Amino acid sequence: MVAHLQGDQLPTWIEAATSTTDLPSLRHFAQHLERDPDAVIAGLALPWNSGVVEVMSTGSRC
């Protein structure tokens, strides 16, 4: 989903992840993604990133 910019698949993934009982941390993570699904889908679907901004603001390097 991330490598191929397939943000449209996020709702299906969230549904599967929130219904799992074996992985409570994954379920919790997926529930938090539901807070702003439009932003998460855009982040997974659009080719832009904030990598350069992140390096400039934190001084860190990837």
PDB file of N, CA and C in Angstrom:
ATOM      1  N   MET A   1       0.839  -1.186   0.000  1.00  0.00           N
ATOM      2  CA  MET A   1       0.000   0.000   0.000  1.00  0.00           C
ATOM      3  C   MET A   1       0.884   1.250   0.000  1.00  0.00           C
ATOM      4  N   VAL A   2       1.920   1.264   0.792  1.00  0.00           N
ATOM      5  CA  VAL A   2       2.787   2.433   0.884  1.00  0.00           C
ATOM      6  C   VAL A   2       3.691   2.543  -0.334  1.00  0.00           C
ATOM      7  N   ALA A   3       4.357   1.474  -0.684  1.00  0.00           N
ATOM      8  CA  ALA A   3       5.318   1.506  -1.786  1.00  0.00           C
ATOM      9  C   ALA A   3       4.664   1.778  -3.132  1.00  0.00           C
ATOM     10  N   HIS A   4       3.419   1.386  -3.283  1.00  0.00           N
ATOM     11  CA  HIS A   4       2.734   1.524  -4.569  1.00  0.00           C
ATOM     12  C   HIS A   4       1.673   2.616  -4.566  1.00  0.00           C
ATOM     13  N   LEU A   5       1.690   3.467  -3.532  1.00  0.00           N
ATOM     14  CA  LEU A   5       0.761   4.601  -3.431  1.00  0.00           C
ATOM     15  C   LEU A   5      -0.689   4.168  -3.606  1.00  0.00           C
ATOM     16  N   GLN A   6      -1.104   3.167  -2.845  1.00  0.00           N
ATOM     17  CA  GLN A   6      -2.464   2.631  -2.949  1.00  0.00           C
ATOM     18  C   GLN A   6      -3.286   2.985  -1.712  1.00  0.00           C
ATOM     19  N   GLY A   7      -3.411   4.277  -1.447  1.00  0.00           N
ATOM     20  CA  GLY A   7      -4.171   4.743  -0.299  1.00  0.00           C
ATOM     21  C   GLY A   7      -5.636   4.377  -0.345  1.00  0.00           C
ATOM     22  N   ASP A   8      -6.146   4.105  -1.542  1.00  0.00           N
ATOM     23  CA  ASP A   8      -7.551   3.730  -1.661  1.00  0.00           C
ATOM     24  C   ASP A   8      -7.856   2.401  -0.967  1.00  0.00           C
ATOM     25  N   GLN A   9      -6.824   1.621  -0.676  1.00  0.00           N
ATOM     26  CA  GLN A   9      -7.016   0.335   0.000  1.00  0.00           C
ATOM     27  C   GLN A   9      -7.033   0.468   1.529  1.00  0.00           C
ATOM     28  N   LEU A  10      -6.787   1.673   2.033  1.00  0.00           N
ATOM     29  CA  LEU A  10      -6.715   1.867   3.479  1.00  0.00           C
ATOM     30  C   LEU A  10      -7.988   1.481   4.220  1.00  0.00           C
ATOM     31  N   PRO A  11      -9.173   1.890   3.785  1.00  0.00           N
ATOM     32  CA  PRO A  11     -10.382   1.515   4.538  1.00  0.00           C
ATOM     33  C   PRO A  11     -10.526  -0.001   4.719  1.00  0.00           C
ATOM     34  N   THR A  12     -10.209  -0.762   3.695  1.00  0.00           N
ATOM     35  CA  THR A  12     -10.286  -2.222   3.796  1.00  0.00           C
ATOM     36  C   THR A  12      -9.260  -2.738   4.799  1.00  0.00           C
ATOM     37  N   TRP A  13      -8.053  -2.186   4.756  1.00  0.00           N
ATOM     38  CA  TRP A  13      -7.003  -2.598   5.694  1.00  0.00           C
ATOM     39  C   TRP A  13      -7.391  -2.256   7.128  1.00  0.00           C
ATOM     40  N   ILE A  14      -7.926  -1.042   7.335  1.00  0.00           N
ATOM     41  CA  ILE A  14      -8.335  -0.638   8.681  1.00  0.00           C
ATOM     42  C   ILE A  14      -9.422  -1.565   9.203  1.00  0.00           C
ATOM     43  N   GLU A  15     -10.378  -1.900   8.362  1.00  0.00           N
ATOM     44  CA  GLU A  15     -11.456  -2.799   8.782  1.00  0.00           C
ATOM     45  C   GLU A  15     -10.895  -4.156   9.220  1.00  0.00           C
ATOM     46  N   ALA A  16      -9.958  -4.684   8.450  1.00  0.00           N
ATOM     47  CA  ALA A  16      -9.355  -5.971   8.797  1.00  0.00           C
ATOM     48  C   ALA A  16      -8.525  -5.853  10.072  1.00  0.00           C
ATOM     49  N   ALA A  17      -7.774  -4.777  10.198  1.00  0.00           N
ATOM     50  CA  ALA A  17      -6.898  -4.615  11.366  1.00  0.00           C
ATOM     51  C   ALA A  17      -7.684  -4.370  12.645  1.00  0.00           C
ATOM     52  N   THR A  18      -8.784  -3.638  12.565  1.00  0.00           N
ATOM     53  CA  THR A  18      -9.562  -3.364  13.778  1.00  0.00           C
ATOM     54  C   THR A  18     -10.393  -4.561  14.219  1.00  0.00           C
ATOM     55  N   SER A  19     -10.575  -5.511  13.338  1.00  0.00           N
ATOM     56  CA  SER A  19     -11.359  -6.687  13.724  1.00  0.00           C
ATOM     57  C   SER A  19     -10.491  -7.818  14.281  1.00  0.00           C
ATOM     58  N   THR A  20      -9.174  -7.637  14.259  1.00  0.00           N
ATOM     59  CA  THR A  20      -8.301  -8.685  14.783  1.00  0.00           C
ATOM     60  C   THR A  20      -8.287  -8.667  16.310  1.00  0.00           C
ATOM     61  N   THR A  21      -8.213  -9.830  16.890  1.00  0.00           N
ATOM     62  CA  THR A  21      -8.090  -9.929  18.343  1.00  0.00           C
ATOM     63  C   THR A  21      -6.706 -10.427  18.733  1.00  0.00           C
ATOM     64  N   ASP A  22      -5.963 -10.937  17.767  1.00  0.00           N
ATOM     65  CA  ASP A  22      -4.635 -11.480  18.034  1.00  0.00           C
ATOM     66  C   ASP A  22      -3.569 -10.400  18.203  1.00  0.00           C
ATOM     67  N   LEU A  23      -3.774  -9.252  17.619  1.00  0.00           N
ATOM     68  CA  LEU A  23      -2.768  -8.191  17.640  1.00  0.00           C
ATOM     69  C   LEU A  23      -3.370  -6.890  18.163  1.00  0.00           C
ATOM     70  N   PRO A  24      -3.485  -6.731  19.475  1.00  0.00           N
ATOM     71  CA  PRO A  24      -4.123  -5.533  20.027  1.00  0.00           C
ATOM     72  C   PRO A  24      -3.396  -4.234  19.668  1.00  0.00           C
ATOM     73  N   SER A  25      -2.082  -4.259  19.531  1.00  0.00           N
ATOM     74  CA  SER A  25      -1.348  -3.043  19.159  1.00  0.00           C
ATOM     75  C   SER A  25      -1.684  -2.611  17.740  1.00  0.00           C
ATOM     76  N   LEU A  26      -1.808  -3.569  16.840  1.00  0.00           N
ATOM     77  CA  LEU A  26      -2.182  -3.261  15.463  1.00  0.00           C
ATOM     78  C   LEU A  26      -3.601  -2.714  15.411  1.00  0.00           C
ATOM     79  N   ARG A  27      -4.497  -3.315  16.166  1.00  0.00           N
ATOM     80  CA  ARG A  27      -5.892  -2.850  16.215  1.00  0.00           C
ATOM     81  C   ARG A  27      -5.942  -1.404  16.720  1.00  0.00           C
ATOM     82  N   HIS A  28      -5.182  -1.109  17.756  1.00  0.00           N
ATOM     83  CA  HIS A  28      -5.147   0.239  18.330  1.00  0.00           C
ATOM     84  C   HIS A  28      -4.588   1.241  17.313  1.00  0.00           C
ATOM     85  N   PHE A  29      -3.517   0.864  16.623  1.00  0.00           N
ATOM     86  CA  PHE A  29      -2.933   1.721  15.596  1.00  0.00           C
ATOM     87  C   PHE A  29      -3.952   2.032  14.504  1.00  0.00           C
ATOM     88  N   ALA A  30      -4.642   1.008  14.035  1.00  0.00           N
ATOM     89  CA  ALA A  30      -5.638   1.184  12.979  1.00  0.00           C
ATOM     90  C   ALA A  30      -6.777   2.092  13.435  1.00  0.00           C
ATOM     91  N   GLN A  31      -7.175   1.957  14.698  1.00  0.00           N
ATOM     92  CA  GLN A  31      -8.241   2.811  15.226  1.00  0.00           C
ATOM     93  C   GLN A  31      -7.806   4.270  15.224  1.00  0.00           C
ATOM     94  N   HIS A  32      -6.547   4.528  15.494  1.00  0.00           N
ATOM     95  CA  HIS A  32      -6.052   5.911  15.473  1.00  0.00           C
ATOM     96  C   HIS A  32      -5.984   6.468  14.058  1.00  0.00           C
ATOM     97  N   LEU A  33      -5.756   5.620  13.073  1.00  0.00           N
ATOM     98  CA  LEU A  33      -5.756   6.092  11.686  1.00  0.00           C
ATOM     99  C   LEU A  33      -7.133   6.591  11.279  1.00  0.00           C
ATOM    100  N   GLU A  34      -8.169   6.091  11.928  1.00  0.00           N
ATOM    101  CA  GLU A  34      -9.546   6.491  11.596  1.00  0.00           C
ATOM    102  C   GLU A  34      -9.859   7.913  12.061  1.00  0.00           C
ATOM    103  N   ARG A  35      -8.994   8.513  12.838  1.00  0.00           N
ATOM    104  CA  ARG A  35      -9.241   9.883  13.306  1.00  0.00           C
ATOM    105  C   ARG A  35      -9.237  10.890  12.165  1.00  0.00           C
ATOM    106  N   ASP A  36      -8.359  10.679  11.190  1.00  0.00           N
ATOM    107  CA  ASP A  36      -8.289  11.583  10.035  1.00  0.00           C
ATOM    108  C   ASP A  36      -7.985  10.772   8.776  1.00  0.00           C
ATOM    109  N   PRO A  37      -8.959   9.995   8.333  1.00  0.00           N
ATOM    110  CA  PRO A  37      -8.699   9.103   7.188  1.00  0.00           C
ATOM    111  C   PRO A  37      -8.323   9.842   5.913  1.00  0.00           C
ATOM    112  N   ASP A  38      -8.862  11.027   5.690  1.00  0.00           N
ATOM    113  CA  ASP A  38      -8.518  11.762   4.463  1.00  0.00           C
ATOM    114  C   ASP A  38      -7.025  12.081   4.416  1.00  0.00           C
ATOM    115  N   ALA A  39      -6.467  12.488   5.549  1.00  0.00           N
ATOM    116  CA  ALA A  39      -5.035  12.812   5.593  1.00  0.00           C
ATOM    117  C   ALA A  39      -4.182  11.559   5.393  1.00  0.00           C
ATOM    118  N   VAL A  40      -4.584  10.467   6.018  1.00  0.00           N
ATOM    119  CA  VAL A  40      -3.812   9.235   5.894  1.00  0.00           C
ATOM    120  C   VAL A  40      -3.884   8.707   4.464  1.00  0.00           C
ATOM    121  N   ILE A  41      -5.049   8.729   3.869  1.00  0.00           N
ATOM    122  CA  ILE A  41      -5.200   8.263   2.485  1.00  0.00           C
ATOM    123  C   ILE A  41      -4.380   9.140   1.546  1.00  0.00           C
ATOM    124  N   ALA A  42      -4.416  10.455   1.754  1.00  0.00           N
ATOM    125  CA  ALA A  42      -3.619  11.354   0.916  1.00  0.00           C
ATOM    126  C   ALA A  42      -2.127  11.050   1.069  1.00  0.00           C
ATOM    127  N   GLY A  43      -1.696  10.795   2.291  1.00  0.00           N
ATOM    128  CA  GLY A  43      -0.295  10.466   2.523  1.00  0.00           C
ATOM    129  C   GLY A  43       0.121   9.174   1.853  1.00  0.00           C
ATOM    130  N   LEU A  44      -0.801   8.257   1.716  1.00  0.00           N
ATOM    131  CA  LEU A  44      -0.496   6.982   1.069  1.00  0.00           C
ATOM    132  C   LEU A  44      -0.702   7.020  -0.444  1.00  0.00           C
ATOM    133  N   ALA A  45      -1.435   7.996  -0.945  1.00  0.00           N
ATOM    134  CA  ALA A  45      -1.797   8.008  -2.361  1.00  0.00           C
ATOM    135  C   ALA A  45      -1.040   9.040  -3.193  1.00  0.00           C
ATOM    136  N   LEU A  46      -0.567  10.097  -2.561  1.00  0.00           N
ATOM    137  CA  LEU A  46       0.068  11.168  -3.323  1.00  0.00           C
ATOM    138  C   LEU A  46       1.582  10.977  -3.397  1.00  0.00           C
ATOM    139  N   PRO A  47       2.198  11.372  -4.484  1.00  0.00           N
ATOM    140  CA  PRO A  47       3.639  11.149  -4.659  1.00  0.00           C
ATOM    141  C   PRO A  47       4.523  12.107  -3.860  1.00  0.00           C
ATOM    142  N   TRP A  48       3.947  13.129  -3.239  1.00  0.00           N
ATOM    143  CA  TRP A  48       4.749  14.100  -2.511  1.00  0.00           C
ATOM    144  C   TRP A  48       5.070  13.600  -1.118  1.00  0.00           C
ATOM    145  N   ASN A  49       6.183  14.088  -0.575  1.00  0.00           N
ATOM    146  CA  ASN A  49       6.535  13.769   0.809  1.00  0.00           C
ATOM    147  C   ASN A  49       7.186  14.978   1.455  1.00  0.00           C
ATOM    148  N   SER A  50       7.378  14.917   2.744  1.00  0.00           N
ATOM    149  CA  SER A  50       7.970  16.036   3.476  1.00  0.00           C
ATOM    150  C   SER A  50       9.384  15.705   3.923  1.00  0.00           C
ATOM    151  N   GLY A  51      10.049  14.823   3.224  1.00  0.00           N
ATOM    152  CA  GLY A  51      11.394  14.394   3.597  1.00  0.00           C
ATOM    153  C   GLY A  51      12.380  15.538   3.715  1.00  0.00           C
ATOM    154  N   VAL A  52      12.437  16.436   2.738  1.00  0.00           N
ATOM    155  CA  VAL A  52      13.382  17.547   2.779  1.00  0.00           C
ATOM    156  C   VAL A  52      13.028  18.493   3.908  1.00  0.00           C
ATOM    157  N   VAL A  53      11.767  18.768   4.099  1.00  0.00           N
ATOM    158  CA  VAL A  53      11.329  19.645   5.179  1.00  0.00           C
ATOM    159  C   VAL A  53      11.707  19.034   6.520  1.00  0.00           C
ATOM    160  N   GLU A  54      11.537  17.742   6.655  1.00  0.00           N
ATOM    161  CA  GLU A  54      11.862  17.053   7.900  1.00  0.00           C
ATOM    162  C   GLU A  54      13.351  17.187   8.218  1.00  0.00           C
ATOM    163  N   VAL A  55      14.197  17.015   7.233  1.00  0.00           N
ATOM    164  CA  VAL A  55      15.643  17.147   7.453  1.00  0.00           C
ATOM    165  C   VAL A  55      15.986  18.581   7.835  1.00  0.00           C
ATOM    166  N   MET A  56      15.360  19.535   7.173  1.00  0.00           N
ATOM    167  CA  MET A  56      15.649  20.922   7.474  1.00  0.00           C
ATOM    168  C   MET A  56      15.184  21.324   8.871  1.00  0.00           C
ATOM    169  N   SER A  57      14.047  20.805   9.316  1.00  0.00           N
ATOM    170  CA  SER A  57      13.503  21.221  10.610  1.00  0.00           C
ATOM    171  C   SER A  57      14.139  20.490  11.787  1.00  0.00           C
ATOM    172  N   THR A  58      14.591  19.262  11.569  1.00  0.00           N
ATOM    173  CA  THR A  58      15.159  18.496  12.676  1.00  0.00           C
ATOM    174  C   THR A  58      16.667  18.356  12.589  1.00  0.00           C
ATOM    175  N   GLY A  59      17.220  18.605  11.422  1.00  0.00           N
ATOM    176  CA  GLY A  59      18.654  18.444  11.239  1.00  0.00           C
ATOM    177  C   GLY A  59      19.061  16.990  11.111  1.00  0.00           C
ATOM    178  N   SER A  60      18.081  16.096  11.014  1.00  0.00           N
ATOM    179  CA  SER A  60      18.398  14.676  10.899  1.00  0.00           C
ATOM    180  C   SER A  60      18.528  14.286   9.436  1.00  0.00           C
ATOM    181  N   ARG A  61      19.166  13.163   9.228  1.00  0.00           N
ATOM    182  CA  ARG A  61      19.315  12.640   7.878  1.00  0.00           C
ATOM    183  C   ARG A  61      18.791  11.227   7.846  1.00  0.00           C
ATOM    184  N   CYS A  62      18.218  10.870   6.707  1.00  0.00           N
ATOM    185  CA  CYS A  62      17.681   9.510   6.554  1.00  0.00           C
ATOM    186  C   CYS A  62      18.767   8.517   6.300  1.00  0.00           C
TER     187      CYS A  62
END
